[in-house]
Amino acid sequence: MRITSHPILNFTEKKLVQFNFNGQQLEGYAGEPIAAALHAAGITVLRHSHELNRPRGLFCAIGNCSSCLMVVDGMPNVRVCVEPLQDGMIVETQIGRGKLP
């Protein structure tokens, strides 16, 4: 689910890194948004709405909405659409509004 070639854009080679999502070992490219790495792995539901428990995916992709809030390395309410992926990160689906460690 990742664009690898484009008629106009050039994609530079980036370092492949490992990260953990809900106990599952995944890989992505260092520095890309966490949401992009999740999407490339086929994960499109990032959280569920508070009241009706409806699935939420990537919406604005610029850090303005709350559709992509997740727990990253124990810190809740991280907007994964703009948070750069780093090697060894632990990313978890956030339940509700999140609780500080």
PDB file of N, CA and C in Angstrom:
ATOM      1  N   MET A   1       0.817  -1.192   0.000  1.00  0.00           N
ATOM      2  CA  MET A   1       0.000   0.000   0.000  1.00  0.00           C
ATOM      3  C   MET A   1       0.862   1.259   0.000  1.00  0.00           C
ATOM      4  N   ARG A   2       2.060   1.152  -0.525  1.00  0.00           N
ATOM      5  CA  ARG A   2       2.982   2.278  -0.524  1.00  0.00           C
ATOM      6  C   ARG A   2       3.333   2.626  -1.968  1.00  0.00           C
ATOM      7  N   ILE A   3       3.327   3.903  -2.307  1.00  0.00           N
ATOM      8  CA  ILE A   3       3.727   4.336  -3.642  1.00  0.00           C
ATOM      9  C   ILE A   3       5.245   4.199  -3.751  1.00  0.00           C
ATOM     10  N   THR A   4       5.694   3.461  -4.742  1.00  0.00           N
ATOM     11  CA  THR A   4       7.137   3.255  -4.908  1.00  0.00           C
ATOM     12  C   THR A   4       7.704   3.962  -6.131  1.00  0.00           C
ATOM     13  N   SER A   5       6.841   4.266  -7.090  1.00  0.00           N
ATOM     14  CA  SER A   5       7.318   5.015  -8.254  1.00  0.00           C
ATOM     15  C   SER A   5       6.244   6.013  -8.662  1.00  0.00           C
ATOM     16  N   HIS A   6       6.718   7.133  -9.216  1.00  0.00           N
ATOM     17  CA  HIS A   6       5.814   8.214  -9.584  1.00  0.00           C
ATOM     18  C   HIS A   6       6.394   8.905 -10.807  1.00  0.00           C
ATOM     19  N   PRO A   7       5.574   9.353 -11.753  1.00  0.00           N
ATOM     20  CA  PRO A   7       6.105   9.961 -12.969  1.00  0.00           C
ATOM     21  C   PRO A   7       6.793  11.312 -12.750  1.00  0.00           C
ATOM     22  N   ILE A   8       6.496  11.993 -11.656  1.00  0.00           N
ATOM     23  CA  ILE A   8       7.076  13.314 -11.418  1.00  0.00           C
ATOM     24  C   ILE A   8       7.978  13.336 -10.185  1.00  0.00           C
ATOM     25  N   LEU A   9       7.542  12.690  -9.119  1.00  0.00           N
ATOM     26  CA  LEU A   9       8.281  12.726  -7.857  1.00  0.00           C
ATOM     27  C   LEU A   9       9.358  11.660  -7.782  1.00  0.00           C
ATOM     28  N   ASN A  10      10.439  11.984  -7.096  1.00  0.00           N
ATOM     29  CA  ASN A  10      11.495  11.012  -6.824  1.00  0.00           C
ATOM     30  C   ASN A  10      11.469  10.674  -5.350  1.00  0.00           C
ATOM     31  N   PHE A  11      11.572   9.400  -5.027  1.00  0.00           N
ATOM     32  CA  PHE A  11      11.586   8.963  -3.639  1.00  0.00           C
ATOM     33  C   PHE A  11      13.006   8.552  -3.271  1.00  0.00           C
ATOM     34  N   THR A  12      13.569   9.260  -2.299  1.00  0.00           N
ATOM     35  CA  THR A  12      14.924   8.935  -1.870  1.00  0.00           C
ATOM     36  C   THR A  12      14.889   7.724  -0.950  1.00  0.00           C
ATOM     37  N   GLU A  13      15.948   6.968  -0.987  1.00  0.00           N
ATOM     38  CA  GLU A  13      16.076   5.774  -0.133  1.00  0.00           C
ATOM     39  C   GLU A  13      16.178   6.207   1.321  1.00  0.00           C
ATOM     40  N   LYS A  14      15.379   5.597   2.193  1.00  0.00           N
ATOM     41  CA  LYS A  14      15.420   5.892   3.619  1.00  0.00           C
ATOM     42  C   LYS A  14      15.725   4.618   4.388  1.00  0.00           C
ATOM     43  N   LYS A  15      16.128   4.800   5.627  1.00  0.00           N
ATOM     44  CA  LYS A  15      16.483   3.667   6.479  1.00  0.00           C
ATOM     45  C   LYS A  15      15.223   2.949   6.959  1.00  0.00           C
ATOM     46  N   LEU A  16      15.182   1.645   6.772  1.00  0.00           N
ATOM     47  CA  LEU A  16      14.076   0.828   7.235  1.00  0.00           C
ATOM     48  C   LEU A  16      14.246   0.564   8.728  1.00  0.00           C
ATOM     49  N   VAL A  17      13.209   0.821   9.519  1.00  0.00           N
ATOM     50  CA  VAL A  17      13.275   0.633  10.969  1.00  0.00           C
ATOM     51  C   VAL A  17      12.130  -0.265  11.428  1.00  0.00           C
ATOM     52  N   GLN A  18      12.298  -0.853  12.602  1.00  0.00           N
ATOM     53  CA  GLN A  18      11.293  -1.708  13.209  1.00  0.00           C
ATOM     54  C   GLN A  18      10.552  -0.922  14.290  1.00  0.00           C
ATOM     55  N   PHE A  19       9.252  -1.172  14.422  1.00  0.00           N
ATOM     56  CA  PHE A  19       8.483  -0.603  15.514  1.00  0.00           C
ATOM     57  C   PHE A  19       7.386  -1.579  15.908  1.00  0.00           C
ATOM     58  N   ASN A  20       6.805  -1.372  17.070  1.00  0.00           N
ATOM     59  CA  ASN A  20       5.805  -2.277  17.606  1.00  0.00           C
ATOM     60  C   ASN A  20       4.453  -1.578  17.613  1.00  0.00           C
ATOM     61  N   PHE A  21       3.448  -2.233  17.056  1.00  0.00           N
ATOM     62  CA  PHE A  21       2.092  -1.697  17.070  1.00  0.00           C
ATOM     63  C   PHE A  21       1.161  -2.725  17.697  1.00  0.00           C
ATOM     64  N   ASN A  22       0.631  -2.398  18.867  1.00  0.00           N
ATOM     65  CA  ASN A  22      -0.286  -3.294  19.584  1.00  0.00           C
ATOM     66  C   ASN A  22       0.258  -4.717  19.677  1.00  0.00           C
ATOM     67  N   GLY A  23       1.546  -4.826  19.972  1.00  0.00           N
ATOM     68  CA  GLY A  23       2.169  -6.138  20.135  1.00  0.00           C
ATOM     69  C   GLY A  23       2.641  -6.791  18.853  1.00  0.00           C
ATOM     70  N   GLN A  24       2.438  -6.145  17.737  1.00  0.00           N
ATOM     71  CA  GLN A  24       2.819  -6.683  16.427  1.00  0.00           C
ATOM     72  C   GLN A  24       4.052  -5.942  15.922  1.00  0.00           C
ATOM     73  N   GLN A  25       5.067  -6.677  15.519  1.00  0.00           N
ATOM     74  CA  GLN A  25       6.288  -6.065  15.000  1.00  0.00           C
ATOM     75  C   GLN A  25       6.069  -5.657  13.543  1.00  0.00           C
ATOM     76  N   LEU A  26       6.271  -4.360  13.252  1.00  0.00           N
ATOM     77  CA  LEU A  26       6.104  -3.833  11.894  1.00  0.00           C
ATOM     78  C   LEU A  26       7.368  -3.084  11.492  1.00  0.00           C
ATOM     79  N   GLU A  27       7.422  -2.686  10.232  1.00  0.00           N
ATOM     80  CA  GLU A  27       8.548  -1.873   9.781  1.00  0.00           C
ATOM     81  C   GLU A  27       8.049  -0.715   8.939  1.00  0.00           C
ATOM     82  N   GLY A  28       8.847   0.330   8.933  1.00  0.00           N
ATOM     83  CA  GLY A  28       8.550   1.524   8.162  1.00  0.00           C
ATOM     84  C   GLY A  28       9.850   2.258   7.926  1.00  0.00           C
ATOM     85  N   TYR A  29       9.769   3.436   7.370  1.00  0.00           N
ATOM     86  CA  TYR A  29      10.965   4.215   7.080  1.00  0.00           C
ATOM     87  C   TYR A  29      11.167   5.302   8.131  1.00  0.00           C
ATOM     88  N   ALA A  30      12.388   5.407   8.605  1.00  0.00           N
ATOM     89  CA  ALA A  30      12.726   6.404   9.624  1.00  0.00           C
ATOM     90  C   ALA A  30      12.344   7.791   9.135  1.00  0.00           C
ATOM     91  N   GLY A  31      11.650   8.541   9.983  1.00  0.00           N
ATOM     92  CA  GLY A  31      11.285   9.911   9.660  1.00  0.00           C
ATOM     93  C   GLY A  31       9.936  10.080   8.984  1.00  0.00           C
ATOM     94  N   GLU A  32       9.365   9.010   8.442  1.00  0.00           N
ATOM     95  CA  GLU A  32       8.040   9.153   7.845  1.00  0.00           C
ATOM     96  C   GLU A  32       7.005   9.221   8.974  1.00  0.00           C
ATOM     97  N   PRO A  33       5.847   9.810   8.741  1.00  0.00           N
ATOM     98  CA  PRO A  33       4.823   9.833   9.786  1.00  0.00           C
ATOM     99  C   PRO A  33       4.437   8.406  10.197  1.00  0.00           C
ATOM    100  N   ILE A  34       4.205   8.208  11.480  1.00  0.00           N
ATOM    101  CA  ILE A  34       3.812   6.887  11.972  1.00  0.00           C
ATOM    102  C   ILE A  34       2.575   6.399  11.230  1.00  0.00           C
ATOM    103  N   ALA A  35       1.628   7.292  10.982  1.00  0.00           N
ATOM    104  CA  ALA A  35       0.393   6.917  10.280  1.00  0.00           C
ATOM    105  C   ALA A  35       0.692   6.378   8.888  1.00  0.00           C
ATOM    106  N   ALA A  36       1.694   6.898   8.221  1.00  0.00           N
ATOM    107  CA  ALA A  36       2.054   6.413   6.882  1.00  0.00           C
ATOM    108  C   ALA A  36       2.587   4.987   6.961  1.00  0.00           C
ATOM    109  N   ALA A  37       3.404   4.710   7.972  1.00  0.00           N
ATOM    110  CA  ALA A  37       3.935   3.353   8.147  1.00  0.00           C
ATOM    111  C   ALA A  37       2.807   2.377   8.479  1.00  0.00           C
ATOM    112  N   LEU A  38       1.869   2.804   9.318  1.00  0.00           N
ATOM    113  CA  LEU A  38       0.725   1.951   9.649  1.00  0.00           C
ATOM    114  C   LEU A  38      -0.128   1.690   8.409  1.00  0.00           C
ATOM    115  N   HIS A  39      -0.387   2.737   7.637  1.00  0.00           N
ATOM    116  CA  HIS A  39      -1.184   2.591   6.416  1.00  0.00           C
ATOM    117  C   HIS A  39      -0.508   1.633   5.430  1.00  0.00           C
ATOM    118  N   ALA A  40       0.803   1.762   5.293  1.00  0.00           N
ATOM    119  CA  ALA A  40       1.545   0.884   4.387  1.00  0.00           C
ATOM    120  C   ALA A  40       1.478  -0.570   4.845  1.00  0.00           C
ATOM    121  N   ALA A  41       1.289  -0.787   6.154  1.00  0.00           N
ATOM    122  CA  ALA A  41       1.162  -2.138   6.701  1.00  0.00           C
ATOM    123  C   ALA A  41      -0.281  -2.636   6.659  1.00  0.00           C
ATOM    124  N   GLY A  42      -1.182  -1.834   6.096  1.00  0.00           N
ATOM    125  CA  GLY A  42      -2.569  -2.243   5.961  1.00  0.00           C
ATOM    126  C   GLY A  42      -3.450  -1.870   7.141  1.00  0.00           C
ATOM    127  N   ILE A  43      -2.923  -1.083   8.072  1.00  0.00           N
ATOM    128  CA  ILE A  43      -3.691  -0.659   9.245  1.00  0.00           C
ATOM    129  C   ILE A  43      -4.298   0.705   8.952  1.00  0.00           C
ATOM    130  N   THR A  44      -5.601   0.745   8.797  1.00  0.00           N
ATOM    131  CA  THR A  44      -6.268   1.991   8.430  1.00  0.00           C
ATOM    132  C   THR A  44      -7.145   2.549   9.548  1.00  0.00           C
ATOM    133  N   VAL A  45      -7.487   1.738  10.540  1.00  0.00           N
ATOM    134  CA  VAL A  45      -8.253   2.220  11.695  1.00  0.00           C
ATOM    135  C   VAL A  45      -7.260   2.583  12.789  1.00  0.00           C
ATOM    136  N   LEU A  46      -7.230   3.861  13.146  1.00  0.00           N
ATOM    137  CA  LEU A  46      -6.267   4.346  14.124  1.00  0.00           C
ATOM    138  C   LEU A  46      -6.854   4.456  15.521  1.00  0.00           C
ATOM    139  N   ARG A  47      -8.156   4.640  15.616  1.00  0.00           N
ATOM    140  CA  ARG A  47      -8.831   4.733  16.912  1.00  0.00           C
ATOM    141  C   ARG A  47     -10.323   4.610  16.694  1.00  0.00           C
ATOM    142  N   HIS A  48     -11.106   4.742  17.766  1.00  0.00           N
ATOM    143  CA  HIS A  48     -12.567   4.715  17.677  1.00  0.00           C
ATOM    144  C   HIS A  48     -13.123   5.940  18.389  1.00  0.00           C
ATOM    145  N   SER A  49     -14.268   6.430  17.907  1.00  0.00           N
ATOM    146  CA  SER A  49     -14.878   7.609  18.504  1.00  0.00           C
ATOM    147  C   SER A  49     -15.291   7.323  19.950  1.00  0.00           C
ATOM    148  N   HIS A  50     -15.301   8.390  20.774  1.00  0.00           N
ATOM    149  CA  HIS A  50     -15.592   8.242  22.200  1.00  0.00           C
ATOM    150  C   HIS A  50     -17.004   7.740  22.470  1.00  0.00           C
ATOM    151  N   GLU A  51     -17.985   8.359  21.849  1.00  0.00           N
ATOM    152  CA  GLU A  51     -19.371   8.067  22.208  1.00  0.00           C
ATOM    153  C   GLU A  51     -19.971   6.872  21.467  1.00  0.00           C
ATOM    154  N   LEU A  52     -19.766   6.804  20.172  1.00  0.00           N
ATOM    155  CA  LEU A  52     -20.414   5.755  19.380  1.00  0.00           C
ATOM    156  C   LEU A  52     -19.477   4.621  18.970  1.00  0.00           C
ATOM    157  N   ASN A  53     -18.207   4.715  19.360  1.00  0.00           N
ATOM    158  CA  ASN A  53     -17.212   3.671  19.079  1.00  0.00           C
ATOM    159  C   ASN A  53     -17.058   3.390  17.582  1.00  0.00           C
ATOM    160  N   ARG A  54     -17.185   4.433  16.771  1.00  0.00           N
ATOM    161  CA  ARG A  54     -17.018   4.285  15.323  1.00  0.00           C
ATOM    162  C   ARG A  54     -15.538   4.350  14.955  1.00  0.00           C
ATOM    163  N   PRO A  55     -15.094   3.568  13.975  1.00  0.00           N
ATOM    164  CA  PRO A  55     -13.680   3.587  13.596  1.00  0.00           C
ATOM    165  C   PRO A  55     -13.272   4.928  12.986  1.00  0.00           C
ATOM    166  N   ARG A  56     -12.068   5.343  13.311  1.00  0.00           N
ATOM    167  CA  ARG A  56     -11.500   6.585  12.780  1.00  0.00           C
ATOM    168  C   ARG A  56     -10.169   6.267  12.114  1.00  0.00           C
ATOM    169  N   GLY A  57      -9.981   6.851  10.949  1.00  0.00           N
ATOM    170  CA  GLY A  57      -8.725   6.667  10.219  1.00  0.00           C
ATOM    171  C   GLY A  57      -8.063   8.005   9.998  1.00  0.00           C
ATOM    172  N   LEU A  58      -7.117   8.032   9.107  1.00  0.00           N
ATOM    173  CA  LEU A  58      -6.415   9.264   8.778  1.00  0.00           C
ATOM    174  C   LEU A  58      -7.394  10.242   8.147  1.00  0.00           C
ATOM    175  N   PHE A  59      -7.462  11.449   8.678  1.00  0.00           N
ATOM    176  CA  PHE A  59      -8.432  12.429   8.183  1.00  0.00           C
ATOM    177  C   PHE A  59      -7.724  13.657   7.617  1.00  0.00           C
ATOM    178  N   CYS A  60      -7.155  14.494   8.467  1.00  0.00           N
ATOM    179  CA  CYS A  60      -6.575  15.744   7.967  1.00  0.00           C
ATOM    180  C   CYS A  60      -5.112  15.574   7.538  1.00  0.00           C
ATOM    181  N   ALA A  61      -4.387  14.702   8.205  1.00  0.00           N
ATOM    182  CA  ALA A  61      -2.972  14.414   7.911  1.00  0.00           C
ATOM    183  C   ALA A  61      -2.046  15.616   8.098  1.00  0.00           C
ATOM    184  N   ILE A  62      -2.497  16.630   8.861  1.00  0.00           N
ATOM    185  CA  ILE A  62      -1.631  17.778   9.155  1.00  0.00           C
ATOM    186  C   ILE A  62      -1.622  18.145  10.631  1.00  0.00           C
ATOM    187  N   GLY A  63      -2.169  17.273  11.478  1.00  0.00           N
ATOM    188  CA  GLY A  63      -2.124  17.488  12.912  1.00  0.00           C
ATOM    189  C   GLY A  63      -3.175  18.395  13.493  1.00  0.00           C
ATOM    190  N   ASN A  64      -4.242  18.695  12.745  1.00  0.00           N
ATOM    191  CA  ASN A  64      -5.277  19.595  13.253  1.00  0.00           C
ATOM    192  C   ASN A  64      -6.460  18.888  13.902  1.00  0.00           C
ATOM    193  N   CYS A  65      -6.765  17.682  13.501  1.00  0.00           N
ATOM    194  CA  CYS A  65      -7.924  16.990  14.062  1.00  0.00           C
ATOM    195  C   CYS A  65      -7.468  16.006  15.141  1.00  0.00           C
ATOM    196  N   SER A  66      -8.375  15.201  15.637  1.00  0.00           N
ATOM    197  CA  SER A  66      -8.013  14.228  16.670  1.00  0.00           C
ATOM    198  C   SER A  66      -8.265  12.795  16.219  1.00  0.00           C
ATOM    199  N   SER A  67      -8.382  12.581  14.923  1.00  0.00           N
ATOM    200  CA  SER A  67      -8.686  11.252  14.414  1.00  0.00           C
ATOM    201  C   SER A  67      -7.526  10.274  14.539  1.00  0.00           C
ATOM    202  N   CYS A  68      -6.327  10.766  14.710  1.00  0.00           N
ATOM    203  CA  CYS A  68      -5.164   9.878  14.716  1.00  0.00           C
ATOM    204  C   CYS A  68      -4.444   9.826  16.063  1.00  0.00           C
ATOM    205  N   LEU A  69      -5.105  10.228  17.140  1.00  0.00           N
ATOM    206  CA  LEU A  69      -4.451  10.214  18.447  1.00  0.00           C
ATOM    207  C   LEU A  69      -4.171   8.782  18.883  1.00  0.00           C
ATOM    208  N   MET A  70      -2.918   8.524  19.261  1.00  0.00           N
ATOM    209  CA  MET A  70      -2.506   7.202  19.721  1.00  0.00           C
ATOM    210  C   MET A  70      -1.523   7.358  20.869  1.00  0.00           C
ATOM    211  N   VAL A  71      -1.218   6.251  21.523  1.00  0.00           N
ATOM    212  CA  VAL A  71      -0.219   6.223  22.585  1.00  0.00           C
ATOM    213  C   VAL A  71       1.106   5.824  21.945  1.00  0.00           C
ATOM    214  N   VAL A  72       2.120   6.683  22.081  1.00  0.00           N
ATOM    215  CA  VAL A  72       3.436   6.407  21.501  1.00  0.00           C
ATOM    216  C   VAL A  72       4.474   6.432  22.621  1.00  0.00           C
ATOM    217  N   ASP A  73       5.151   5.314  22.795  1.00  0.00           N
ATOM    218  CA  ASP A  73       6.145   5.162  23.861  1.00  0.00           C
ATOM    219  C   ASP A  73       5.577   5.585  25.221  1.00  0.00           C
ATOM    220  N   GLY A  74       4.326   5.214  25.476  1.00  0.00           N
ATOM    221  CA  GLY A  74       3.686   5.488  26.752  1.00  0.00           C
ATOM    222  C   GLY A  74       3.042   6.854  26.886  1.00  0.00           C
ATOM    223  N   MET A  75       3.204   7.706  25.911  1.00  0.00           N
ATOM    224  CA  MET A  75       2.638   9.058  25.948  1.00  0.00           C
ATOM    225  C   MET A  75       1.335   9.088  25.143  1.00  0.00           C
ATOM    226  N   PRO A  76       0.192   9.414  25.792  1.00  0.00           N
ATOM    227  CA  PRO A  76      -1.079   9.451  25.070  1.00  0.00           C
ATOM    228  C   PRO A  76      -1.239  10.724  24.243  1.00  0.00           C
ATOM    229  N   ASN A  77      -2.233  10.720  23.395  1.00  0.00           N
ATOM    230  CA  ASN A  77      -2.639  11.880  22.590  1.00  0.00           C
ATOM    231  C   ASN A  77      -1.570  12.362  21.612  1.00  0.00           C
ATOM    232  N   VAL A  78      -0.813  11.439  21.061  1.00  0.00           N
ATOM    233  CA  VAL A  78       0.187  11.784  20.044  1.00  0.00           C
ATOM    234  C   VAL A  78      -0.498  11.730  18.685  1.00  0.00           C
ATOM    235  N   ARG A  79      -0.351  12.785  17.919  1.00  0.00           N
ATOM    236  CA  ARG A  79      -0.922  12.830  16.564  1.00  0.00           C
ATOM    237  C   ARG A  79       0.041  12.114  15.617  1.00  0.00           C
ATOM    238  N   VAL A  80      -0.298  10.868  15.298  1.00  0.00           N
ATOM    239  CA  VAL A  80       0.623  10.041  14.515  1.00  0.00           C
ATOM    240  C   VAL A  80       0.697  10.440  13.047  1.00  0.00           C
ATOM    241  N   CYS A  81      -0.166  11.346  12.608  1.00  0.00           N
ATOM    242  CA  CYS A  81      -0.096  11.804  11.216  1.00  0.00           C
ATOM    243  C   CYS A  81       1.102  12.731  10.996  1.00  0.00           C
ATOM    244  N   VAL A  82       1.632  13.295  12.078  1.00  0.00           N
ATOM    245  CA  VAL A  82       2.770  14.210  11.950  1.00  0.00           C
ATOM    246  C   VAL A  82       3.967  13.783  12.797  1.00  0.00           C
ATOM    247  N   GLU A  83       3.818  12.737  13.598  1.00  0.00           N
ATOM    248  CA  GLU A  83       4.915  12.276  14.464  1.00  0.00           C
ATOM    249  C   GLU A  83       5.854  11.375  13.655  1.00  0.00           C
ATOM    250  N   PRO A  84       7.153  11.739  13.577  1.00  0.00           N
ATOM    251  CA  PRO A  84       8.093  10.937  12.784  1.00  0.00           C
ATOM    252  C   PRO A  84       8.363   9.576  13.421  1.00  0.00           C
ATOM    253  N   LEU A  85       8.423   8.569  12.599  1.00  0.00           N
ATOM    254  CA  LEU A  85       8.722   7.211  13.043  1.00  0.00           C
ATOM    255  C   LEU A  85      10.197   7.092  13.399  1.00  0.00           C
ATOM    256  N   GLN A  86      10.469   6.417  14.510  1.00  0.00           N
ATOM    257  CA  GLN A  86      11.836   6.138  14.941  1.00  0.00           C
ATOM    258  C   GLN A  86      11.957   4.654  15.253  1.00  0.00           C
ATOM    259  N   ASP A  87      13.153   4.148  15.160  1.00  0.00           N
ATOM    260  CA  ASP A  87      13.416   2.748  15.423  1.00  0.00           C
ATOM    261  C   ASP A  87      13.035   2.385  16.855  1.00  0.00           C
ATOM    262  N   GLY A  88      12.318   1.276  17.019  1.00  0.00           N
ATOM    263  CA  GLY A  88      11.992   0.761  18.341  1.00  0.00           C
ATOM    264  C   GLY A  88      10.782   1.388  19.011  1.00  0.00           C
ATOM    265  N   MET A  89      10.068   2.280  18.336  1.00  0.00           N
ATOM    266  CA  MET A  89       8.889   2.910  18.940  1.00  0.00           C
ATOM    267  C   MET A  89       7.838   1.866  19.287  1.00  0.00           C
ATOM    268  N   ILE A  90       7.091   2.151  20.355  1.00  0.00           N
ATOM    269  CA  ILE A  90       5.959   1.320  20.739  1.00  0.00           C
ATOM    270  C   ILE A  90       4.700   2.169  20.541  1.00  0.00           C
ATOM    271  N   VAL A  91       3.875   1.763  19.606  1.00  0.00           N
ATOM    272  CA  VAL A  91       2.671   2.502  19.231  1.00  0.00           C
ATOM    273  C   VAL A  91       1.465   1.646  19.620  1.00  0.00           C
ATOM    274  N   GLU A  92       0.514   2.269  20.321  1.00  0.00           N
ATOM    275  CA  GLU A  92      -0.662   1.533  20.777  1.00  0.00           C
ATOM    276  C   GLU A  92      -1.928   2.309  20.453  1.00  0.00           C
ATOM    277  N   THR A  93      -2.994   1.580  20.173  1.00  0.00           N
ATOM    278  CA  THR A  93      -4.288   2.201  19.975  1.00  0.00           C
ATOM    279  C   THR A  93      -4.724   2.832  21.285  1.00  0.00           C
ATOM    280  N   GLN A  94      -5.170   4.065  21.223  1.00  0.00           N
ATOM    281  CA  GLN A  94      -5.609   4.780  22.426  1.00  0.00           C
ATOM    282  C   GLN A  94      -7.090   4.517  22.659  1.00  0.00           C
ATOM    283  N   ILE A  95      -7.407   4.136  23.873  1.00  0.00           N
ATOM    284  CA  ILE A  95      -8.795   3.936  24.267  1.00  0.00           C
ATOM    285  C   ILE A  95      -9.267   5.183  24.995  1.00  0.00           C
ATOM    286  N   GLY A  96     -10.343   5.778  24.542  1.00  0.00           N
ATOM    287  CA  GLY A  96     -10.880   6.966  25.192  1.00  0.00           C
ATOM    288  C   GLY A  96      -9.983   8.174  25.007  1.00  0.00           C
ATOM    289  N   ARG A  97      -9.908   8.982  26.055  1.00  0.00           N
ATOM    290  CA  ARG A  97      -9.158  10.244  25.968  1.00  0.00           C
ATOM    291  C   ARG A  97      -7.679  10.094  26.348  1.00  0.00           C
ATOM    292  N   GLY A  98      -7.270   8.940  26.768  1.00  0.00           N
ATOM    293  CA  GLY A  98      -5.873   8.710  27.106  1.00  0.00           C
ATOM    294  C   GLY A  98      -5.558   9.105  28.520  1.00  0.00           C
ATOM    295  N   LYS A  99      -4.643   8.373  29.139  1.00  0.00           N
ATOM    296  CA  LYS A  99      -4.234   8.658  30.507  1.00  0.00           C
ATOM    297  C   LYS A  99      -2.723   8.835  30.545  1.00  0.00           C
ATOM    298  N   LEU A 100      -2.274   9.861  31.237  1.00  0.00           N
ATOM    299  CA  LEU A 100      -0.842  10.101  31.367  1.00  0.00           C
ATOM    300  C   LEU A 100      -0.208   9.019  32.219  1.00  0.00           C
ATOM    301  N   PRO A 101       1.036   8.641  31.901  1.00  0.00           N
ATOM    302  CA  PRO A 101       1.716   7.587  32.678  1.00  0.00           C
ATOM    303  C   PRO A 101       1.996   8.010  34.107  1.00  0.00           C
TER     304      PRO A 101
END
